[in-house]
Protein backbone atom coordinates (compact mmCIF):
# COMPACT_ATOMS: atom_id res chain seq x y z
CA UNK A 1 50.39 178.26 237.64
CA UNK A 2 53.57 179.40 239.35
CA UNK A 3 54.12 183.14 239.22
CA UNK A 4 57.03 185.14 240.63
CA UNK A 5 57.55 188.85 240.09
CA UNK A 6 60.44 190.81 241.56
CA UNK A 7 60.28 194.53 242.38
CA UNK A 8 61.57 196.88 239.67
CA UNK A 9 64.38 197.71 239.02
CA UNK A 10 66.86 195.14 240.43
CA UNK A 11 69.70 193.96 238.23
CA UNK A 12 67.79 190.83 237.26
CA UNK A 13 64.00 190.87 236.95
CA UNK A 14 62.01 187.78 236.20
CA UNK A 15 58.47 186.73 235.60
CA UNK A 16 57.88 182.99 235.45
CA UNK A 17 54.69 181.34 234.35
CA UNK A 18 53.74 177.76 233.64
CA UNK A 19 52.51 177.38 230.08
CA UNK A 20 50.58 174.94 227.96
CA UNK A 21 51.67 171.41 227.13
CA UNK A 22 52.73 171.78 223.48
CA UNK A 23 55.59 173.63 221.88
CA UNK A 24 55.75 175.60 218.66
CA UNK A 25 57.03 172.55 216.82
CA UNK A 26 53.66 170.85 217.30
CA UNK A 27 51.02 171.07 214.60
CA UNK A 28 48.30 170.72 217.25
CA UNK A 29 48.04 174.49 217.54
CA UNK A 30 45.19 174.47 220.04
CA UNK A 31 47.47 172.82 222.63
CA UNK A 32 49.96 175.66 222.37
CA UNK A 33 47.32 178.35 222.84
CA UNK A 34 48.26 179.10 226.45
CA UNK A 35 51.83 179.87 225.45
CA UNK A 36 50.75 182.06 222.56
CA UNK A 37 48.44 184.04 224.84
CA UNK A 38 51.37 184.67 227.17
CA UNK A 39 53.59 185.72 224.25
CA UNK A 40 50.96 188.09 222.87
CA UNK A 41 51.05 190.07 226.13
CA UNK A 42 54.77 190.77 225.76
CA UNK A 43 56.49 193.78 224.18
CA UNK A 44 59.16 191.76 222.38
CA UNK A 45 59.75 187.99 222.25
CA UNK A 46 63.08 186.47 221.22
CA UNK A 47 62.88 182.77 220.29
CA UNK A 48 65.87 180.41 220.07
CA UNK A 49 65.40 177.51 217.63
CA UNK A 50 67.49 174.37 217.25
CA UNK A 51 68.10 174.63 213.51
CA UNK A 52 67.05 176.35 210.29
CA UNK A 53 64.20 173.96 209.42
CA UNK A 54 62.95 174.12 212.99
CA UNK A 55 63.06 177.92 212.91
CA UNK A 56 61.21 178.08 209.59
CA UNK A 57 58.52 175.81 211.03
CA UNK A 58 58.11 178.06 214.08
CA UNK A 59 57.68 181.13 211.86
CA UNK A 60 55.13 179.31 209.68
CA UNK A 61 53.07 178.09 212.66
CA UNK A 62 53.11 181.53 214.31
CA UNK A 63 51.89 183.13 211.07
CA UNK A 64 49.42 180.55 209.75
CA UNK A 65 47.87 179.28 212.97
CA UNK A 66 48.04 182.34 215.21
CA UNK A 67 48.26 185.31 212.87
CA UNK A 68 51.49 186.60 214.41
CA UNK A 69 54.20 188.20 212.31
CA UNK A 70 57.53 186.64 213.20
CA UNK A 71 60.97 187.54 211.86
CA UNK A 72 63.70 184.96 211.23
CA UNK A 73 67.48 185.33 211.13
CA UNK A 74 70.30 182.80 210.88
CA UNK A 75 74.00 182.87 210.13
CA UNK A 76 73.10 182.39 206.45
CA UNK A 77 70.72 185.37 206.25
CA UNK A 78 71.99 188.07 203.89
CA UNK A 79 73.51 191.00 205.79
CA UNK A 80 71.08 193.55 204.39
CA UNK A 81 68.04 191.40 205.21
CA UNK A 82 69.33 190.61 208.68
CA UNK A 83 70.07 194.27 209.45
CA UNK A 84 66.58 195.28 208.30
CA UNK A 85 64.90 192.56 210.39
CA UNK A 86 66.91 193.40 213.52
CA UNK A 87 66.21 197.09 213.06
CA UNK A 88 62.47 196.44 212.95
CA UNK A 89 62.69 194.27 216.07
CA UNK A 90 64.79 196.76 218.02
CA UNK A 91 62.46 199.64 217.12
CA UNK A 92 59.35 197.73 218.19
CA UNK A 93 57.83 197.40 214.71
CA UNK A 94 58.40 193.62 214.88
CA UNK A 95 57.38 191.91 218.13
CA UNK A 96 58.50 188.31 217.55
CA UNK A 97 61.89 187.13 216.29
CA UNK A 98 63.22 183.59 215.79
CA UNK A 99 66.97 183.10 215.52
CA UNK A 100 69.39 180.21 215.06
CA UNK A 101 72.77 180.65 216.77
CA UNK A 102 73.19 184.37 216.04
CA UNK A 103 71.63 186.44 218.84
CA UNK A 104 72.93 184.84 222.03
CA UNK A 105 75.69 187.49 222.43
CA UNK A 106 76.38 191.00 221.17
CA UNK A 107 72.73 191.86 220.48
CA UNK A 108 71.32 194.99 222.13
CA UNK A 109 67.52 195.01 222.53
CA UNK A 110 66.83 195.87 226.19
CA UNK A 111 63.06 195.99 225.66
CA UNK A 112 62.93 192.18 225.23
CA UNK A 113 60.54 190.90 227.92
CA UNK A 114 60.04 187.32 226.71
CA UNK A 115 62.67 184.67 225.89
CA UNK A 116 61.59 181.28 224.55
CA UNK A 117 64.17 178.48 224.57
CA UNK A 118 62.93 175.91 222.06
CA UNK A 119 66.29 174.15 222.08
CA UNK A 120 68.45 172.40 224.68
CA UNK A 121 72.07 173.22 225.37
CA UNK A 122 74.73 171.46 227.41
CA UNK A 123 76.64 174.74 227.73
CA UNK A 124 75.93 176.65 230.93
CA UNK A 125 77.48 179.74 229.36
CA UNK A 126 75.20 179.63 226.31
CA UNK A 127 72.16 179.05 228.55
CA UNK A 128 73.11 182.15 230.56
CA UNK A 129 73.63 184.22 227.41
CA UNK A 130 70.29 183.23 225.87
CA UNK A 131 68.26 183.96 229.00
CA UNK A 132 70.28 187.12 229.59
CA UNK A 133 68.85 188.67 226.40
CA UNK A 134 65.72 189.39 228.45
CA UNK A 135 67.38 190.61 231.66
CA UNK A 136 68.34 194.09 230.50
CA UNK A 137 66.48 196.93 232.22
CA UNK A 138 64.08 199.05 230.18
CA UNK A 139 61.34 201.53 231.16
CA UNK A 140 58.73 199.57 229.18
CA UNK A 141 59.01 196.40 231.25
CA UNK A 142 58.95 195.28 234.86
CA UNK A 143 59.78 191.61 234.29
CA UNK A 144 60.75 188.98 231.74
CA UNK A 145 58.83 185.83 230.82
CA UNK A 146 61.12 182.83 230.25
CA UNK A 147 59.69 179.77 228.46
CA UNK A 148 62.14 176.87 228.68
CA UNK A 149 61.20 173.92 226.47
CA UNK A 150 64.73 172.51 226.40
CA UNK A 151 65.10 171.32 230.00
CA UNK A 152 67.88 173.87 230.48
CA UNK A 153 66.82 175.12 233.91
CA UNK A 154 66.76 171.55 235.21
CA UNK A 155 70.10 170.83 233.55
CA UNK A 156 72.03 173.92 234.69
CA UNK A 157 70.05 175.30 237.63
CA UNK A 158 68.88 178.86 238.38
CA UNK A 159 70.55 181.34 236.07
CA UNK A 160 71.82 183.50 238.94
CA UNK A 161 73.61 180.52 240.49
CA UNK A 162 75.56 179.34 237.44
CA UNK A 163 79.24 178.62 238.02
CA UNK A 164 81.02 177.95 234.74
CA UNK A 165 83.85 175.46 235.28
CA UNK A 166 87.26 176.24 233.89
CA UNK A 167 88.61 173.87 231.31
CA UNK A 168 91.17 171.45 232.66
CA UNK A 169 93.91 169.51 230.96
CA UNK A 170 95.06 165.97 231.52
CA UNK A 171 92.88 163.40 233.28
CA UNK A 172 89.18 164.32 233.11
CA UNK A 173 88.04 161.48 235.36
CA UNK A 174 86.31 158.21 234.51
CA UNK A 175 84.76 157.81 231.07
CA UNK A 176 80.93 157.94 230.81
CA UNK A 177 79.34 154.56 231.47
CA UNK A 178 75.98 152.84 231.54
CA UNK A 179 74.53 149.61 232.94
CA UNK A 180 73.22 146.83 230.72
CA UNK A 181 69.60 146.10 231.79
CA UNK A 182 69.98 142.40 230.92
CA UNK A 183 73.28 141.31 232.50
CA UNK A 184 73.92 144.47 234.62
CA UNK A 185 77.48 144.85 233.34
CA UNK A 186 78.86 148.38 233.60
CA UNK A 187 80.07 149.24 230.08
CA UNK A 188 81.19 152.32 228.13
CA UNK A 189 78.34 154.69 227.31
CA UNK A 190 79.09 154.55 223.58
CA UNK A 191 78.27 150.84 223.14
CA UNK A 192 75.17 150.14 221.01
CA UNK A 193 75.40 146.44 221.93
CA UNK A 194 76.51 144.97 225.26
CA UNK A 195 79.84 143.16 224.73
CA UNK A 196 79.01 140.68 227.53
CA UNK A 197 75.49 139.49 226.65
CA UNK A 198 74.71 141.02 223.26
CA UNK A 199 71.80 143.19 224.45
CA UNK A 200 70.86 145.81 221.81
CA UNK A 201 70.44 149.31 223.26
CA UNK A 202 67.73 151.47 221.66
CA UNK A 203 68.95 154.34 219.48
CA UNK A 204 69.40 157.68 221.28
CA UNK A 205 66.37 159.92 221.53
CA UNK A 206 66.19 162.58 218.83
CA UNK A 207 63.71 165.03 220.34
CA UNK A 208 64.91 168.61 220.03
CA UNK A 209 63.08 169.95 223.06
CA UNK A 210 60.51 169.02 225.69
CA UNK A 211 56.78 168.87 225.06
CA UNK A 212 56.08 171.59 227.61
CA UNK A 213 57.88 174.48 229.23
CA UNK A 214 59.70 173.67 232.46
CA UNK A 215 58.25 174.89 235.75
CA UNK A 216 61.66 174.89 237.45
CA UNK A 217 62.67 178.23 238.98
CA UNK A 218 65.06 180.17 236.80
CA UNK A 219 66.12 182.30 239.78
CA UNK A 220 67.52 180.86 242.99
CA UNK A 221 64.92 182.40 245.34
CA UNK A 222 61.98 180.51 243.83
CA UNK A 223 60.30 177.54 245.53
CA UNK A 224 59.14 175.10 242.87
CA UNK A 225 57.16 171.88 243.15
CA UNK A 226 57.22 169.98 239.87
CA UNK A 227 55.63 166.70 238.83
CA UNK A 228 57.47 164.57 236.28
CA UNK A 229 56.42 161.55 234.26
CA UNK A 230 58.90 158.71 234.86
CA UNK A 231 60.13 157.02 231.69
CA UNK A 232 62.49 154.47 233.26
CA UNK A 233 63.58 153.40 236.75
CA UNK A 234 67.01 151.92 237.56
CA UNK A 235 68.10 150.30 240.83
CA UNK A 236 71.70 149.83 242.05
CA UNK A 237 73.70 149.27 245.25
CA UNK A 238 75.42 152.44 246.42
CA UNK A 239 78.12 153.26 248.94
CA UNK A 240 79.24 156.77 249.78
CA UNK A 241 82.57 157.71 248.29
CA UNK A 242 85.29 157.57 250.92
CA UNK A 243 83.10 155.76 253.47
CA UNK A 244 84.64 153.01 255.67
CA UNK A 245 84.48 149.44 254.39
CA UNK A 246 81.85 148.52 257.00
CA UNK A 247 79.63 151.55 256.33
CA UNK A 248 75.97 150.80 255.51
CA UNK A 249 75.10 150.66 251.84
CA UNK A 250 71.92 152.00 250.25
CA UNK A 251 69.72 151.20 247.29
CA UNK A 252 70.03 153.99 244.75
CA UNK A 253 66.93 154.62 242.63
CA UNK A 254 67.35 156.64 239.41
CA UNK A 255 64.25 158.00 237.67
CA UNK A 256 64.52 159.06 234.03
CA UNK A 257 62.32 162.13 233.46
CA UNK A 258 63.58 163.40 230.11
CA UNK A 259 65.96 162.83 227.22
CA UNK A 260 69.04 163.41 229.41
CA UNK A 261 67.45 164.21 232.76
CA UNK A 262 67.33 162.00 235.85
CA UNK A 263 66.34 162.40 239.49
CA UNK A 264 67.66 160.04 242.15
CA UNK A 265 67.05 159.00 245.73
CA UNK A 266 68.64 156.61 248.22
CA UNK A 267 66.71 154.07 250.31
CA UNK A 268 68.53 153.14 253.52
CA UNK A 269 67.74 149.48 254.28
CA UNK A 270 71.04 148.86 256.11
CA UNK A 271 70.78 151.89 258.40
CA UNK A 272 69.21 152.00 261.85
CA UNK A 273 66.55 154.15 263.46
CA UNK A 274 64.49 156.61 261.45
CA UNK A 275 66.33 155.95 258.18
CA UNK A 276 65.46 152.24 258.38
CA UNK A 277 61.85 153.03 259.30
CA UNK A 278 61.56 155.39 256.35
CA UNK A 279 63.01 152.71 254.04
CA UNK A 280 60.47 150.20 255.35
CA UNK A 281 57.58 152.56 254.64
CA UNK A 282 58.97 153.25 251.15
CA UNK A 283 59.15 149.50 250.45
CA UNK A 284 55.69 148.59 251.81
CA UNK A 285 54.04 151.13 249.51
CA UNK A 286 55.48 149.25 246.55
CA UNK A 287 55.79 145.55 247.42
CA UNK A 288 54.20 142.61 249.23
CA UNK A 289 57.65 141.12 249.85
CA UNK A 290 59.17 141.37 253.35
CA UNK A 291 61.30 144.48 253.82
CA UNK A 292 64.85 143.57 252.66
CA UNK A 293 67.70 143.33 255.16
CA UNK A 294 70.34 144.71 252.81
CA UNK A 295 70.65 147.02 249.84
CA UNK A 296 71.80 144.10 247.70
CA UNK A 297 68.70 142.09 248.53
CA UNK A 298 66.49 145.11 247.78
CA UNK A 299 68.11 145.65 244.37
CA UNK A 300 67.80 141.95 243.48
CA UNK A 301 64.08 142.00 244.31
CA UNK A 302 63.51 145.32 242.52
CA UNK A 303 65.23 144.09 239.37
CA UNK A 304 63.19 140.89 239.61
CA UNK A 305 59.89 142.74 239.46
CA UNK A 306 58.93 142.92 243.14
CA UNK A 307 58.15 146.66 243.14
CA UNK A 308 55.22 148.63 241.77
CA UNK A 309 56.05 150.78 238.78
CA UNK A 310 56.73 154.45 239.52
CA UNK A 311 54.62 156.48 237.08
CA UNK A 312 55.35 160.00 238.31
CA UNK A 313 57.47 161.75 240.93
CA UNK A 314 56.96 165.18 242.50
CA UNK A 315 60.15 167.14 243.28
CA UNK A 316 60.48 170.17 245.56
CA UNK A 317 63.29 172.72 245.16
CA UNK A 318 63.58 175.56 247.67
CA UNK A 319 65.94 178.46 248.32
CA UNK A 320 68.56 177.63 250.92
CA UNK A 321 68.17 173.88 250.43
CA UNK A 322 71.36 172.24 249.20
CA UNK A 323 69.44 169.51 247.37
CA UNK A 324 66.03 168.88 245.86
CA UNK A 325 63.60 166.44 247.48
CA UNK A 326 61.25 163.86 245.99
CA UNK A 327 58.08 164.45 248.02
CA UNK A 328 55.44 162.32 246.28
CA UNK A 329 54.93 159.47 243.84
CA UNK A 330 52.24 158.00 241.63
CA UNK A 331 52.60 154.22 241.66
CA UNK A 332 51.15 151.41 239.61
CA UNK A 333 49.60 148.22 241.04
CA UNK A 334 51.62 146.34 243.67
CA UNK A 335 52.81 143.06 242.08
CA UNK A 336 52.34 139.60 243.52
CA UNK A 337 55.26 138.21 245.57
CA UNK A 338 58.24 136.99 243.57
CA UNK A 339 59.11 133.30 243.72
CA UNK A 340 62.64 132.88 245.06
CA UNK A 341 64.75 130.09 243.63
CA UNK A 342 67.63 128.26 245.29
CA UNK A 343 70.10 130.57 243.55
CA UNK A 344 68.45 133.73 244.89
CA UNK A 345 71.40 134.74 247.07
CA UNK A 346 73.72 134.41 244.07
CA UNK A 347 71.61 136.95 242.18
CA UNK A 348 72.27 139.79 244.63
CA UNK A 349 74.37 142.37 242.75
CA UNK A 350 77.77 143.45 243.89
CA UNK A 351 78.63 147.01 244.85
CA UNK A 352 79.59 149.26 241.94
CA UNK A 353 83.31 150.06 241.78
CA UNK A 354 84.60 153.20 243.50
CA UNK A 355 85.27 154.85 240.13
CA UNK A 356 81.56 154.65 239.38
CA UNK A 357 80.38 156.26 242.62
CA UNK A 358 78.34 158.78 240.66
CA UNK A 359 76.96 156.22 238.19
CA UNK A 360 74.82 156.72 236.32
CA UNK A 361 73.52 160.25 236.78
CA UNK A 362 75.30 161.87 239.72
CA UNK A 363 74.99 165.45 238.45
CA UNK A 364 71.19 165.26 238.58
CA UNK A 365 70.96 163.16 241.75
CA UNK A 366 69.17 163.96 244.97
CA UNK A 367 71.04 163.51 248.26
CA UNK A 368 71.35 160.34 250.28
CA UNK A 369 69.70 160.81 253.66
């Protein structure tokens, strides 16, 4: 359990706690017990749901499985009913309140000391507004418990470090793209079928939020060490943007850890000295093949099945560090050596084009060493 409590009363107080592995949407109530215990200790808990049916389900589970009275307001709630519910919550007669898109701004309840995000958002501003409902000062509280089931802290970073980008006009840069796992063509992200080889991409994931609350630090002065299950691993040849033509290339490894969340690292086979030694150690943990000479050779072998599967990664984020670090792995069995055919050299992938330097998940990537 990670616990951080700041002295009272700074402008932003925070109390962070790792919680149990199931969210309120789960019918396996016993697996959400740790979260409910944490919520029970709070003066007032404001819950953000992803939709009306989701919100109704949360209210029903809180009442039927845990005996907690929970209010519910949406944009469709009658004005009189909404005013009565909000009045009860603000006065302390109602401790738990679920809302759908109505209480992120313009709602004054400074005694809120628990905010549960049971929905994701791609908007940094909305993320800040939701969490900010619990950051008002009040004599009855010394901290605020934030339960993030939507991967929002990982997506946007600590709430006190958010920088909302201004909208720009004109060229917004290269269109989103993805790589076909069969023919490795780089195609538009919207394709359901690869136009080059006909590969059918699986439908997009429909999960509304994560199965457990994030342990990532919501404030920038928190050191967090988080273990993630790896759903997919992608390998590609990478070259730093703006680097000379003869600069060493690296093998970029992208780990999918959530619906839209990735962590990345770079393995420096073409570098010299310590970077090459580190790459060799990385490779020998995963393969019986000789350590590759080039990034292209490494990617060809990786895509051909020469590496052990990465099951989990452990990521460290610390104050003052510009980037996160992958510090540990859980690996599957090391595979037998791959048989190399006569056309092996022809299978080595080419470098991605300059326009795709951040492909596929640059915003979530870890730094190249």
